[in-house]
Amino acid sequence: MEMKHLSYGAASTFLKEGMSMSISRRLRVVAGLVVAALAAVAASAGTSATNQSAKLVIWADADRVPAVTQVANAWAASKGVTVQVVQKDFGSIRSQMTTVAADTAPDVIVGAHDWIGELSANGSIVPLSPSAATKKQFPAYALNSFSYGTAIKKLFGAPVALENVALFTNTKLAKVPTSFADLERQALAAKKKTKAPVGLAVQQGAGGDAYHMYPFFSGLGGYIFGTNKAGNLDPSDIGLANPKFLRNAKLIDKWNTEGLIRSQVAWDTGRDLFTKGKVAYYITGPWFLGDVQKSGVKYAISGFPQIVPGLRSTPFLGVQGFMVTKFSSAHGVESLAKDLVANYMMRPASQLALALSNGRFPANTVAGAQVKDKDLKAFGKASVGGVPMPNIPQMASVWQDLGAAWARSTKGAGAIAARKSFVGAQKSIAQKIG
């Protein structure tokens, strides 16, 4: 089984169904305390008689139902509203938005930022207008991830939690690297000592993995799509083989020759290499944190060292959030739904409770500053400056070719020169997008 990041939503579904998503007990305890505090505040606010008959329906997946229910009910108590949280399979939340009957449809959904392009285009979700003070509590990239528009970008969702990969260091085999050259040196020394097949474990597999390889891609000057004058993603500007990246592509050939990375390392072999103490470094996300903790390996989590001077090596970001659907208007609860999503769910306390419950760093920076768990804080720090996976439909034409370019260039013997591989990938993507 290998992970293919066709979308953040697909990736999240795969992780839930095919991998361990163990969340440490200490995060759940803290989340419970935050939710209790929210409930107390809401209870003291009283209820509104005008909303006594109103009911708000929220669709969420199994991992988020408990926290969403508690936080939403704290809001509902202050509004005199009934909230019903319906559990749905993560992927079906998006797909059913165009098939569900209006009388059973949700007013609010919890989902991934890269659903925005599709759902806003087909009219399934409506724009939001949080206050300027609220928006200041979020980094621009978190808000941009839930924004979409061909001419004028509008916010279509409230970002709640960030999900990204980071660098794990086996502190018995190596130190947290101070530079990429330092990482390379220590990784290869550990490889020689343990006789591991690679120096750095990062999952790819036969088809490659553009998501996990993104820190290398960005660190060499690569990008997916450029932006136009309006600040929107421009699918005609494809950056897989841009001049800056191609000048640095020879480094990929070097990594392949020395065995720093190998495309044959899939999700399970990468995990096993690190948890069995065979490699000094491992690139993965919070979904495997539980496995690392259970292994007993002494570890540290950090961001990625700079590969080329002047370029940042940053991860792809998946952003989870809340969206208000078109059905809320027909149900007579649109204003309530917008208050819940664009006001209450964007508050620091709400964000902290939701993020901690699911082991993901909160999108709200005020909430982020209140996170105490060292591992969650480390993932949050590694996310700074990250690139949200493009939320435009054309991104579906990128994943396969970008992943394959990495796989061809890092398969060891018989590998294709990286420059040729990525030029070919860009041509293929351009043809698919048209």
Protein backbone atom coordinates (compact mmCIF):
# COMPACT_ATOMS: atom_id res chain seq x y z
CA MET A 1 0.00 0.00 0.00
CA GLU A 2 1.39 3.38 -0.89
CA MET A 3 0.10 6.88 -0.31
CA LYS A 4 -0.79 9.01 -3.33
CA HIS A 5 -1.64 12.61 -2.62
CA LEU A 6 -4.27 13.28 -5.25
CA SER A 7 -5.71 15.84 -2.86
CA TYR A 8 -5.51 16.77 0.76
CA GLY A 9 -8.96 15.26 1.24
CA ALA A 10 -7.89 11.98 -0.39
CA ALA A 11 -4.72 11.95 1.66
CA SER A 12 -6.62 12.48 4.89
CA THR A 13 -9.05 9.69 4.03
CA PHE A 14 -6.15 7.33 3.29
CA LEU A 15 -4.43 8.20 6.53
CA LYS A 16 -7.55 7.54 8.56
CA GLU A 17 -8.30 4.23 6.86
CA GLY A 18 -4.83 2.82 6.19
CA MET A 19 -2.52 4.21 8.85
CA SER A 20 -2.37 4.71 12.57
CA MET A 21 -3.50 8.18 13.61
CA SER A 22 -2.74 7.78 17.30
CA ILE A 23 -3.16 11.03 19.25
CA SER A 24 -1.43 11.40 22.60
CA ARG A 25 -3.65 11.35 25.67
CA ARG A 26 -2.16 14.56 26.98
CA LEU A 27 -3.57 16.50 24.00
CA ARG A 28 -7.04 15.11 24.56
CA VAL A 29 -6.95 16.06 28.23
CA VAL A 30 -5.97 19.63 27.42
CA ALA A 31 -8.60 19.83 24.68
CA GLY A 32 -11.23 18.65 27.13
CA LEU A 33 -10.31 21.39 29.57
CA VAL A 34 -10.53 24.03 26.84
CA VAL A 35 -13.93 22.76 25.72
CA ALA A 36 -15.15 22.83 29.33
CA ALA A 37 -14.08 26.45 29.60
CA LEU A 38 -15.92 27.29 26.38
CA ALA A 39 -19.07 25.64 27.68
CA ALA A 40 -18.89 27.61 30.91
CA VAL A 41 -18.56 30.90 29.04
CA ALA A 42 -21.43 30.02 26.73
CA ALA A 43 -23.67 28.96 29.59
CA SER A 44 -23.13 32.25 31.36
CA ALA A 45 -24.15 34.17 28.24
CA GLY A 46 -27.75 32.97 28.37
CA THR A 47 -29.96 32.03 25.42
CA SER A 48 -31.96 33.87 22.81
CA ALA A 49 -35.67 33.16 22.75
CA THR A 50 -35.89 33.99 19.02
CA ASN A 51 -33.72 31.00 18.10
CA GLN A 52 -35.41 28.35 20.24
CA SER A 53 -36.73 26.38 17.25
CA ALA A 54 -33.65 26.74 15.06
CA LYS A 55 -31.53 23.68 14.29
CA LEU A 56 -28.10 23.67 12.68
CA VAL A 57 -26.82 20.49 10.99
CA ILE A 58 -23.06 19.95 10.72
CA TRP A 59 -21.34 17.20 8.76
CA ALA A 60 -17.98 16.01 10.10
CA ASP A 61 -15.85 12.87 9.89
CA ALA A 62 -15.36 10.44 12.76
CA ASP A 63 -12.09 11.97 13.95
CA ARG A 64 -13.64 15.39 14.42
CA VAL A 65 -17.19 14.60 15.57
CA PRO A 66 -16.51 14.58 19.35
CA ALA A 67 -14.65 17.92 19.45
CA VAL A 68 -16.96 19.59 16.92
CA THR A 69 -20.00 18.47 18.92
CA GLN A 70 -18.68 19.88 22.19
CA VAL A 71 -17.48 23.19 20.79
CA ALA A 72 -20.58 23.72 18.62
CA ASN A 73 -22.87 22.93 21.56
CA ALA A 74 -21.06 25.52 23.67
CA TRP A 75 -21.95 28.10 21.00
CA ALA A 76 -25.49 26.76 20.67
CA ALA A 77 -26.12 27.15 24.40
CA SER A 78 -25.56 30.89 24.11
CA LYS A 79 -27.83 31.20 21.07
CA GLY A 80 -30.74 28.97 22.01
CA VAL A 81 -30.00 26.80 18.99
CA THR A 82 -29.99 23.03 18.56
CA VAL A 83 -26.92 21.57 16.86
CA GLN A 84 -26.87 18.15 15.22
CA VAL A 85 -23.46 16.81 14.22
CA VAL A 86 -23.77 14.04 11.63
CA GLN A 87 -20.85 11.66 11.15
CA LYS A 88 -19.83 11.15 7.53
CA ASP A 89 -16.93 9.53 5.75
CA PHE A 90 -14.41 12.32 5.10
CA GLY A 91 -14.37 11.98 1.32
CA SER A 92 -18.15 11.65 0.99
CA ILE A 93 -18.74 15.03 2.65
CA ARG A 94 -17.56 16.75 -0.49
CA SER A 95 -19.02 14.31 -3.02
CA GLN A 96 -22.50 14.32 -1.46
CA MET A 97 -22.84 18.10 -1.57
CA THR A 98 -24.18 17.89 -5.12
CA THR A 99 -26.43 14.87 -4.56
CA VAL A 100 -27.93 15.31 -1.10
CA ALA A 101 -31.63 16.18 -0.79
CA ALA A 102 -32.20 19.72 0.51
CA ASP A 103 -34.21 18.60 3.54
CA THR A 104 -31.37 16.36 4.81
CA ALA A 105 -28.51 18.57 3.68
CA PRO A 106 -25.99 20.12 6.10
CA ASP A 107 -25.78 23.79 6.97
CA VAL A 108 -22.09 23.55 7.83
CA ILE A 109 -19.42 21.08 6.77
CA VAL A 110 -15.94 20.32 8.12
CA GLY A 111 -13.41 19.58 5.42
CA ALA A 112 -10.20 20.30 3.58
CA HIS A 113 -9.07 23.54 2.00
CA ASP A 114 -8.54 22.03 -1.43
CA TRP A 115 -12.26 21.37 -1.73
CA ILE A 116 -12.82 25.10 -2.05
CA GLY A 117 -12.30 25.43 -5.80
CA GLU A 118 -14.86 22.75 -6.64
CA LEU A 119 -17.47 23.60 -3.99
CA SER A 120 -17.40 27.35 -4.58
CA ALA A 121 -17.60 26.89 -8.35
CA ASN A 122 -20.69 24.67 -8.12
CA GLY A 123 -22.33 26.96 -5.57
CA SER A 124 -22.34 24.48 -2.70
CA ILE A 125 -20.73 26.88 -0.20
CA VAL A 126 -21.10 30.59 0.44
CA PRO A 127 -18.56 33.37 1.12
CA LEU A 128 -17.74 34.45 4.69
CA SER A 129 -16.93 37.86 6.13
CA PRO A 130 -15.09 37.56 9.46
CA SER A 131 -14.05 40.79 11.13
CA ALA A 132 -10.72 42.41 10.35
CA ALA A 133 -9.64 41.78 13.95
CA THR A 134 -10.37 38.07 13.53
CA LYS A 135 -8.50 37.80 10.24
CA LYS A 136 -5.42 39.39 11.82
CA GLN A 137 -5.12 36.31 14.03
CA PHE A 138 -4.42 34.09 11.01
CA PRO A 139 -1.37 33.89 8.74
CA ALA A 140 -2.07 34.96 5.18
CA TYR A 141 -1.42 31.47 3.80
CA ALA A 142 -4.08 29.95 6.09
CA LEU A 143 -6.72 32.42 4.89
CA ASN A 144 -5.57 32.10 1.28
CA SER A 145 -5.99 28.34 1.46
CA PHE A 146 -9.75 28.82 1.95
CA SER A 147 -10.01 31.70 -0.54
CA TYR A 148 -10.99 31.36 -4.17
CA GLY A 149 -12.08 33.47 -7.12
CA THR A 150 -11.11 34.06 -10.72
CA ALA A 151 -11.17 37.85 -10.45
CA ILE A 152 -11.78 38.71 -6.79
CA LYS A 153 -10.79 36.18 -4.16
CA LYS A 154 -13.38 35.51 -1.46
CA LEU A 155 -13.04 33.57 1.78
CA PHE A 156 -15.15 30.40 1.68
CA GLY A 157 -14.06 28.70 4.89
CA ALA A 158 -12.70 29.19 8.39
CA PRO A 159 -9.26 27.57 8.70
CA VAL A 160 -8.98 25.57 11.92
CA ALA A 161 -5.90 23.33 11.88
CA LEU A 162 -2.70 22.91 9.89
CA GLU A 163 -1.26 19.58 8.80
CA ASN A 164 2.25 19.18 7.41
CA VAL A 165 5.33 17.03 7.43
CA ALA A 166 8.44 17.83 9.46
CA LEU A 167 11.93 16.43 9.96
CA PHE A 168 12.39 13.75 12.63
CA THR A 169 15.91 13.20 13.96
CA ASN A 170 17.02 10.03 15.75
CA THR A 171 19.04 11.80 18.45
CA LYS A 172 21.08 8.68 19.23
CA LEU A 173 22.34 8.50 15.66
CA ALA A 174 22.65 12.19 14.83
CA LYS A 175 21.99 15.76 15.90
CA VAL A 176 19.30 18.09 14.58
CA PRO A 177 21.03 19.45 11.46
CA THR A 178 22.16 23.08 11.29
CA SER A 179 22.32 23.03 7.48
CA PHE A 180 21.46 20.67 4.64
CA ALA A 181 25.14 19.83 4.21
CA ASP A 182 25.19 18.88 7.89
CA LEU A 183 22.11 16.70 7.43
CA GLU A 184 23.64 15.04 4.39
CA ARG A 185 26.92 14.32 6.20
CA GLN A 186 25.27 12.88 9.32
CA ALA A 187 22.67 10.92 7.34
CA LEU A 188 25.25 9.18 5.19
CA ALA A 189 27.48 8.45 8.19
CA ALA A 190 24.53 6.76 9.94
CA LYS A 191 23.68 4.89 6.71
CA LYS A 192 27.20 3.47 6.59
CA LYS A 193 27.02 2.48 10.26
CA THR A 194 23.60 0.77 10.16
CA LYS A 195 23.88 -0.48 6.56
CA ALA A 196 20.50 1.07 5.76
CA PRO A 197 19.42 1.43 2.11
CA VAL A 198 19.05 5.21 2.48
CA GLY A 199 20.37 8.02 4.63
CA LEU A 200 17.07 9.89 4.83
CA ALA A 201 13.73 8.06 4.99
CA VAL A 202 11.01 9.82 3.02
CA GLN A 203 8.14 7.92 1.49
CA GLN A 204 7.73 7.68 -2.27
CA GLY A 205 7.02 4.26 -3.70
CA ALA A 206 6.70 3.19 -7.34
CA GLY A 207 4.55 6.18 -8.32
CA GLY A 208 6.45 8.74 -6.29
CA ASP A 209 4.98 11.09 -3.71
CA ALA A 210 4.89 14.78 -4.59
CA TYR A 211 3.48 15.70 -1.18
CA HIS A 212 6.27 14.24 0.95
CA MET A 213 8.95 15.41 -1.48
CA TYR A 214 7.74 19.01 -1.48
CA PRO A 215 10.35 20.32 1.03
CA PHE A 216 13.04 19.23 -1.44
CA PHE A 217 11.07 20.70 -4.36
CA SER A 218 10.58 24.12 -2.74
CA GLY A 219 14.11 24.09 -1.38
CA LEU A 220 15.49 23.77 -4.90
CA GLY A 221 13.32 26.59 -6.27
CA GLY A 222 10.38 24.61 -7.59
CA TYR A 223 6.75 25.72 -7.46
CA ILE A 224 3.46 24.31 -8.78
CA PHE A 225 1.61 27.35 -10.09
CA GLY A 226 2.55 31.01 -10.18
CA THR A 227 0.07 33.80 -9.43
CA ASN A 228 -1.49 36.43 -11.65
CA LYS A 229 -1.84 40.17 -11.01
CA ALA A 230 -4.98 39.56 -8.92
CA GLY A 231 -3.04 37.23 -6.64
CA ASN A 232 -4.84 34.12 -7.86
CA LEU A 233 -3.13 30.88 -8.81
CA ASP A 234 -2.33 30.85 -12.52
CA PRO A 235 -2.50 27.33 -14.04
CA SER A 236 -0.75 28.58 -17.19
CA ASP A 237 2.36 29.33 -15.11
CA ILE A 238 3.70 25.88 -14.22
CA GLY A 239 6.91 25.92 -12.20
CA LEU A 240 8.14 22.32 -12.20
CA ALA A 241 10.89 23.10 -14.67
CA ASN A 242 11.47 26.78 -14.02
CA PRO A 243 15.04 28.01 -14.64
CA LYS A 244 15.90 28.35 -10.94
CA PHE A 245 14.86 24.77 -10.18
CA LEU A 246 16.65 23.37 -13.21
CA ARG A 247 19.89 25.07 -12.16
CA ASN A 248 19.67 23.20 -8.85
CA ALA A 249 18.37 19.88 -10.21
CA LYS A 250 21.87 18.39 -10.36
CA LEU A 251 21.70 18.11 -6.56
CA ILE A 252 18.94 15.50 -6.97
CA ASP A 253 21.29 13.45 -9.14
CA LYS A 254 23.92 13.71 -6.39
CA TRP A 255 21.47 12.54 -3.71
CA ASN A 256 20.51 9.61 -5.91
CA THR A 257 24.13 8.61 -6.54
CA GLU A 258 25.11 8.68 -2.88
CA GLY A 259 21.91 6.97 -1.69
CA LEU A 260 20.61 9.82 0.45
CA ILE A 261 17.05 9.15 -0.76
CA ARG A 262 15.47 6.34 -2.78
CA SER A 263 12.08 6.19 -4.45
CA GLN A 264 11.75 2.53 -3.46
CA VAL A 265 11.08 3.66 0.14
CA ALA A 266 7.29 3.51 0.58
CA TRP A 267 5.19 4.70 3.53
CA ASP A 268 5.67 1.55 5.60
CA THR A 269 9.35 1.01 4.85
CA GLY A 270 10.14 4.63 5.63
CA ARG A 271 8.37 4.35 8.97
CA ASP A 272 10.07 1.07 9.79
CA LEU A 273 13.54 2.35 8.95
CA PHE A 274 13.15 5.12 11.49
CA THR A 275 11.27 3.28 14.22
CA LYS A 276 13.81 0.43 14.08
CA GLY A 277 16.75 2.81 14.44
CA LYS A 278 18.19 2.32 10.95
CA VAL A 279 18.19 5.93 9.73
CA ALA A 280 19.10 9.21 11.38
CA TYR A 281 16.41 11.27 9.64
CA TYR A 282 12.79 10.77 8.63
CA ILE A 283 10.25 13.05 6.93
CA THR A 284 6.65 12.44 7.96
CA GLY A 285 3.62 14.04 9.56
CA PRO A 286 1.67 13.80 12.82
CA TRP A 287 -0.15 10.69 11.56
CA PHE A 288 2.96 8.62 12.39
CA LEU A 289 3.86 10.37 15.63
CA GLY A 290 2.21 7.62 17.66
CA ASP A 291 4.27 4.95 15.92
CA VAL A 292 7.49 6.83 16.61
CA GLN A 293 6.56 7.29 20.27
CA LYS A 294 5.73 3.59 20.68
CA SER A 295 9.04 2.54 19.10
CA GLY A 296 11.09 4.02 21.92
CA VAL A 297 13.44 5.81 19.51
CA LYS A 298 14.73 9.06 20.98
CA TYR A 299 13.66 11.78 18.58
CA ALA A 300 13.42 15.49 17.93
CA ILE A 301 11.09 17.22 15.45
CA SER A 302 12.19 20.28 13.49
CA GLY A 303 11.74 22.21 10.27
CA PHE A 304 13.81 21.64 7.16
CA PRO A 305 17.30 23.08 6.72
CA GLN A 306 17.92 25.37 3.77
CA ILE A 307 19.22 23.48 0.74
CA VAL A 308 20.23 26.38 -1.51
CA PRO A 309 21.14 29.88 -0.22
CA GLY A 310 18.26 32.29 -0.63
CA LEU A 311 15.57 29.61 -0.91
CA ARG A 312 13.33 28.27 1.85
CA SER A 313 12.69 24.56 2.13
CA THR A 314 9.05 24.46 3.21
CA PRO A 315 6.38 21.76 3.30
CA PHE A 316 3.02 21.51 1.65
CA LEU A 317 0.20 22.46 4.00
CA GLY A 318 -3.15 20.77 4.36
CA VAL A 319 -5.64 23.04 6.15
CA GLN A 320 -8.80 21.78 7.84
CA GLY A 321 -11.73 24.09 8.33
CA PHE A 322 -15.46 24.87 8.44
CA MET A 323 -17.63 25.93 5.50
CA VAL A 324 -21.21 27.26 5.35
CA THR A 325 -23.36 25.58 2.71
CA LYS A 326 -25.97 27.02 0.38
CA PHE A 327 -28.59 24.90 2.17
CA SER A 328 -28.34 27.02 5.32
CA SER A 329 -30.28 29.79 3.55
CA ALA A 330 -33.11 27.44 2.54
CA HIS A 331 -33.22 26.18 6.14
CA GLY A 332 -33.45 29.73 7.47
CA VAL A 333 -30.21 29.48 9.48
CA GLU A 334 -27.61 31.12 7.23
CA SER A 335 -26.88 34.00 9.61
CA LEU A 336 -26.51 31.56 12.51
CA ALA A 337 -24.27 29.28 10.47
CA LYS A 338 -22.05 32.21 9.51
CA ASP A 339 -21.85 33.34 13.12
CA LEU A 340 -20.76 29.87 14.20
CA VAL A 341 -18.15 29.50 11.46
CA ALA A 342 -16.81 33.01 10.79
CA ASN A 343 -17.00 34.20 14.40
CA TYR A 344 -17.08 31.46 17.02
CA MET A 345 -14.98 28.77 15.32
CA MET A 346 -12.28 31.30 14.45
CA ARG A 347 -11.80 32.33 18.09
CA PRO A 348 -8.60 31.22 19.82
CA ALA A 349 -10.33 29.07 22.45
CA SER A 350 -12.42 27.21 19.87
CA GLN A 351 -9.42 26.71 17.61
CA LEU A 352 -7.30 25.42 20.46
CA ALA A 353 -9.91 22.88 21.54
CA LEU A 354 -10.48 21.60 18.01
CA ALA A 355 -6.81 21.44 17.06
CA LEU A 356 -5.62 19.76 20.24
CA SER A 357 -8.37 17.17 20.07
CA ASN A 358 -7.08 16.05 16.67
CA GLY A 359 -3.36 16.47 17.23
CA ARG A 360 -2.99 19.21 14.61
CA PHE A 361 -1.59 22.71 15.10
CA PRO A 362 -4.25 25.47 15.24
CA ALA A 363 -4.45 27.90 12.33
CA ASN A 364 -5.18 30.82 14.68
CA THR A 365 -1.84 32.29 15.80
CA VAL A 366 -3.16 33.32 19.23
CA ALA A 367 -4.27 29.74 19.82
CA GLY A 368 -0.97 28.50 18.46
CA ALA A 369 0.93 30.53 21.04
CA GLN A 370 -1.00 28.70 23.76
CA VAL A 371 0.04 25.21 22.62
CA LYS A 372 2.30 23.58 25.22
CA ASP A 373 2.87 20.12 23.75
CA LYS A 374 6.45 20.08 22.41
CA ASP A 375 5.74 17.84 19.42
CA LEU A 376 2.67 19.79 18.31
CA LYS A 377 4.62 23.04 18.71
CA ALA A 378 7.43 21.59 16.59
CA PHE A 379 5.01 20.70 13.78
CA GLY A 380 3.57 24.20 14.02
CA LYS A 381 7.01 25.76 13.75
CA ALA A 382 7.82 23.58 10.74
CA SER A 383 4.62 24.78 9.04
CA VAL A 384 5.63 28.46 9.03
CA GLY A 385 5.94 29.69 5.46
CA GLY A 386 4.47 26.47 4.13
CA VAL A 387 2.56 26.32 0.86
CA PRO A 388 -1.11 25.27 0.96
CA MET A 389 -1.78 22.61 -1.63
CA PRO A 390 -3.34 24.47 -4.59
CA ASN A 391 -7.13 24.54 -4.32
CA ILE A 392 -7.82 24.99 -8.04
CA PRO A 393 -9.16 22.08 -10.13
CA GLN A 394 -6.05 21.98 -12.33
CA MET A 395 -4.04 20.61 -9.39
CA ALA A 396 -5.54 17.19 -10.12
CA SER A 397 -3.36 17.12 -13.25
CA VAL A 398 -0.15 17.69 -11.27
CA TRP A 399 0.13 15.01 -8.60
CA GLN A 400 0.90 11.99 -10.78
CA ASP A 401 3.52 13.61 -13.02
CA LEU A 402 5.30 15.47 -10.24
CA GLY A 403 5.49 12.32 -8.13
CA ALA A 404 6.72 10.32 -11.11
CA ALA A 405 9.46 12.89 -11.81
CA TRP A 406 10.86 12.32 -8.33
CA ALA A 407 10.55 8.54 -8.63
CA ARG A 408 12.41 8.46 -11.95
CA SER A 409 15.21 10.66 -10.60
CA THR A 410 15.80 8.85 -7.31
CA LYS A 411 15.40 5.16 -8.10
CA GLY A 412 19.12 4.41 -7.87
CA ALA A 413 20.61 2.49 -10.78
CA GLY A 414 18.94 3.46 -14.05
CA ALA A 415 17.63 6.78 -12.75
CA ILE A 416 16.86 9.51 -15.27
CA ALA A 417 18.71 12.80 -14.87
CA ALA A 418 16.52 15.10 -12.78
CA ARG A 419 16.60 17.93 -15.31
CA LYS A 420 15.22 15.69 -18.05
CA SER A 421 12.67 14.09 -15.72
CA PHE A 422 11.16 17.35 -14.50
CA VAL A 423 11.11 18.96 -17.94
CA GLY A 424 9.15 15.94 -19.15
CA ALA A 425 6.76 16.18 -16.20
CA GLN A 426 6.05 19.84 -16.88
CA LYS A 427 5.27 19.15 -20.55
CA SER A 428 2.87 16.36 -19.58
CA ILE A 429 1.06 18.53 -17.05
CA ALA A 430 0.74 21.43 -19.50
CA GLN A 431 -0.83 19.10 -22.06
CA LYS A 432 -3.34 17.79 -19.49
CA ILE A 433 -4.33 21.28 -18.37
CA GLY A 434 -4.54 22.48 -21.95
